[in-house]
Protein backbone atom coordinates (compact mmCIF):
# COMPACT_ATOMS: atom_id res chain seq x y z
CA UNK A 1 5.62 -9.42 5.95
CA UNK A 2 6.49 -6.43 3.83
CA UNK A 3 4.03 -3.95 2.38
CA UNK A 4 4.68 -1.90 -0.75
CA UNK A 5 3.52 1.67 -0.16
CA UNK A 6 2.92 3.82 -3.22
CA UNK A 7 2.60 7.54 -2.45
CA UNK A 8 0.75 9.83 -4.85
CA UNK A 9 -0.31 13.45 -5.06
CA UNK A 10 -4.04 13.68 -5.66
CA UNK A 11 -5.87 16.70 -7.02
CA UNK A 12 -6.44 17.91 -3.42
CA UNK A 13 -4.07 16.00 -1.10
CA UNK A 14 -1.58 13.13 -0.86
CA UNK A 15 -2.69 9.49 -0.82
CA UNK A 16 -0.99 6.16 -0.14
CA UNK A 17 -1.84 2.89 -1.86
CA UNK A 18 -0.65 -0.06 0.25
CA UNK A 19 -0.15 -3.50 -1.30
CA UNK A 20 0.46 -6.66 0.74
CA UNK A 21 2.27 -9.86 -0.26
CA UNK A 22 4.24 -8.25 -3.09
CA UNK A 23 7.44 -9.20 -4.85
CA UNK A 24 10.21 -7.77 -2.66
CA UNK A 25 12.71 -7.49 -5.53
CA UNK A 26 11.02 -4.87 -7.71
CA UNK A 27 13.31 -2.28 -9.25
CA UNK A 28 12.78 1.44 -9.69
CA UNK A 29 11.75 1.22 -13.36
CA UNK A 30 9.17 -1.52 -12.72
CA UNK A 31 7.55 0.30 -9.81
CA UNK A 32 7.51 3.64 -11.66
CA UNK A 33 5.89 2.00 -14.69
CA UNK A 34 3.21 0.37 -12.52
CA UNK A 35 2.56 3.63 -10.69
CA UNK A 36 2.16 5.45 -14.00
CA UNK A 37 -0.32 2.82 -15.20
CA UNK A 38 -2.36 3.34 -12.02
CA UNK A 39 -2.19 7.10 -12.58
CA UNK A 40 -3.33 6.81 -16.20
CA UNK A 41 -6.29 4.61 -15.22
CA UNK A 42 -7.63 7.35 -12.89
CA UNK A 43 -9.98 4.78 -11.35
CA UNK A 44 -10.14 6.08 -7.79
CA UNK A 45 -12.16 9.26 -7.39
CA UNK A 46 -14.18 10.55 -4.47
CA UNK A 47 -15.76 13.91 -3.64
CA UNK A 48 -14.50 15.47 -6.89
CA UNK A 49 -10.91 14.40 -6.22
CA UNK A 50 -8.79 12.08 -8.32
CA UNK A 51 -6.58 10.18 -5.87
CA UNK A 52 -3.58 9.05 -7.92
CA UNK A 53 -2.51 11.99 -10.11
CA UNK A 54 1.28 12.17 -9.67
CA UNK A 55 3.55 9.41 -8.33
CA UNK A 56 5.67 10.76 -5.45
CA UNK A 57 7.45 7.81 -3.84
CA UNK A 58 7.47 4.07 -3.26
CA UNK A 59 8.89 2.02 -0.41
CA UNK A 60 8.70 -1.28 1.35
CA UNK A 61 7.48 -1.18 4.94
CA UNK A 62 8.03 -4.09 7.28
CA UNK A 63 5.93 -4.58 10.38
CA UNK A 64 7.35 -6.63 13.21
CA UNK A 65 4.75 -8.07 15.57
CA UNK A 66 5.97 -9.04 19.03
CA UNK A 67 3.25 -11.02 20.81
CA UNK A 68 2.67 -10.51 24.52
CA UNK A 69 0.00 -13.22 24.73
CA UNK A 70 -2.37 -14.98 22.35
CA UNK A 71 -5.45 -16.72 23.69
CA UNK A 72 -7.12 -17.21 20.32
CA UNK A 73 -6.53 -20.97 20.37
CA UNK A 74 -7.60 -21.54 23.98
CA UNK A 75 -10.75 -23.63 24.32
CA UNK A 76 -12.92 -23.63 27.37
CA UNK A 77 -13.61 -27.09 28.76
CA UNK A 78 -17.09 -27.74 30.08
């Protein structure tokens, strides 16, 4: 599964917005436009800081999980 990570400069520090289950074929213009819409909305604020002030970068991150064991489906017989 890939995650789209959108990196922004906030009014105090940098923040990352991570989105799961996204279209993996988004182009630069589409992602920039979406990031600018998020910026313009200025919805996320905490402790006198606006989180998404200036778009910095965007990338897909893929996590590969290699199981060692998984006992979640094991039932105990009585």
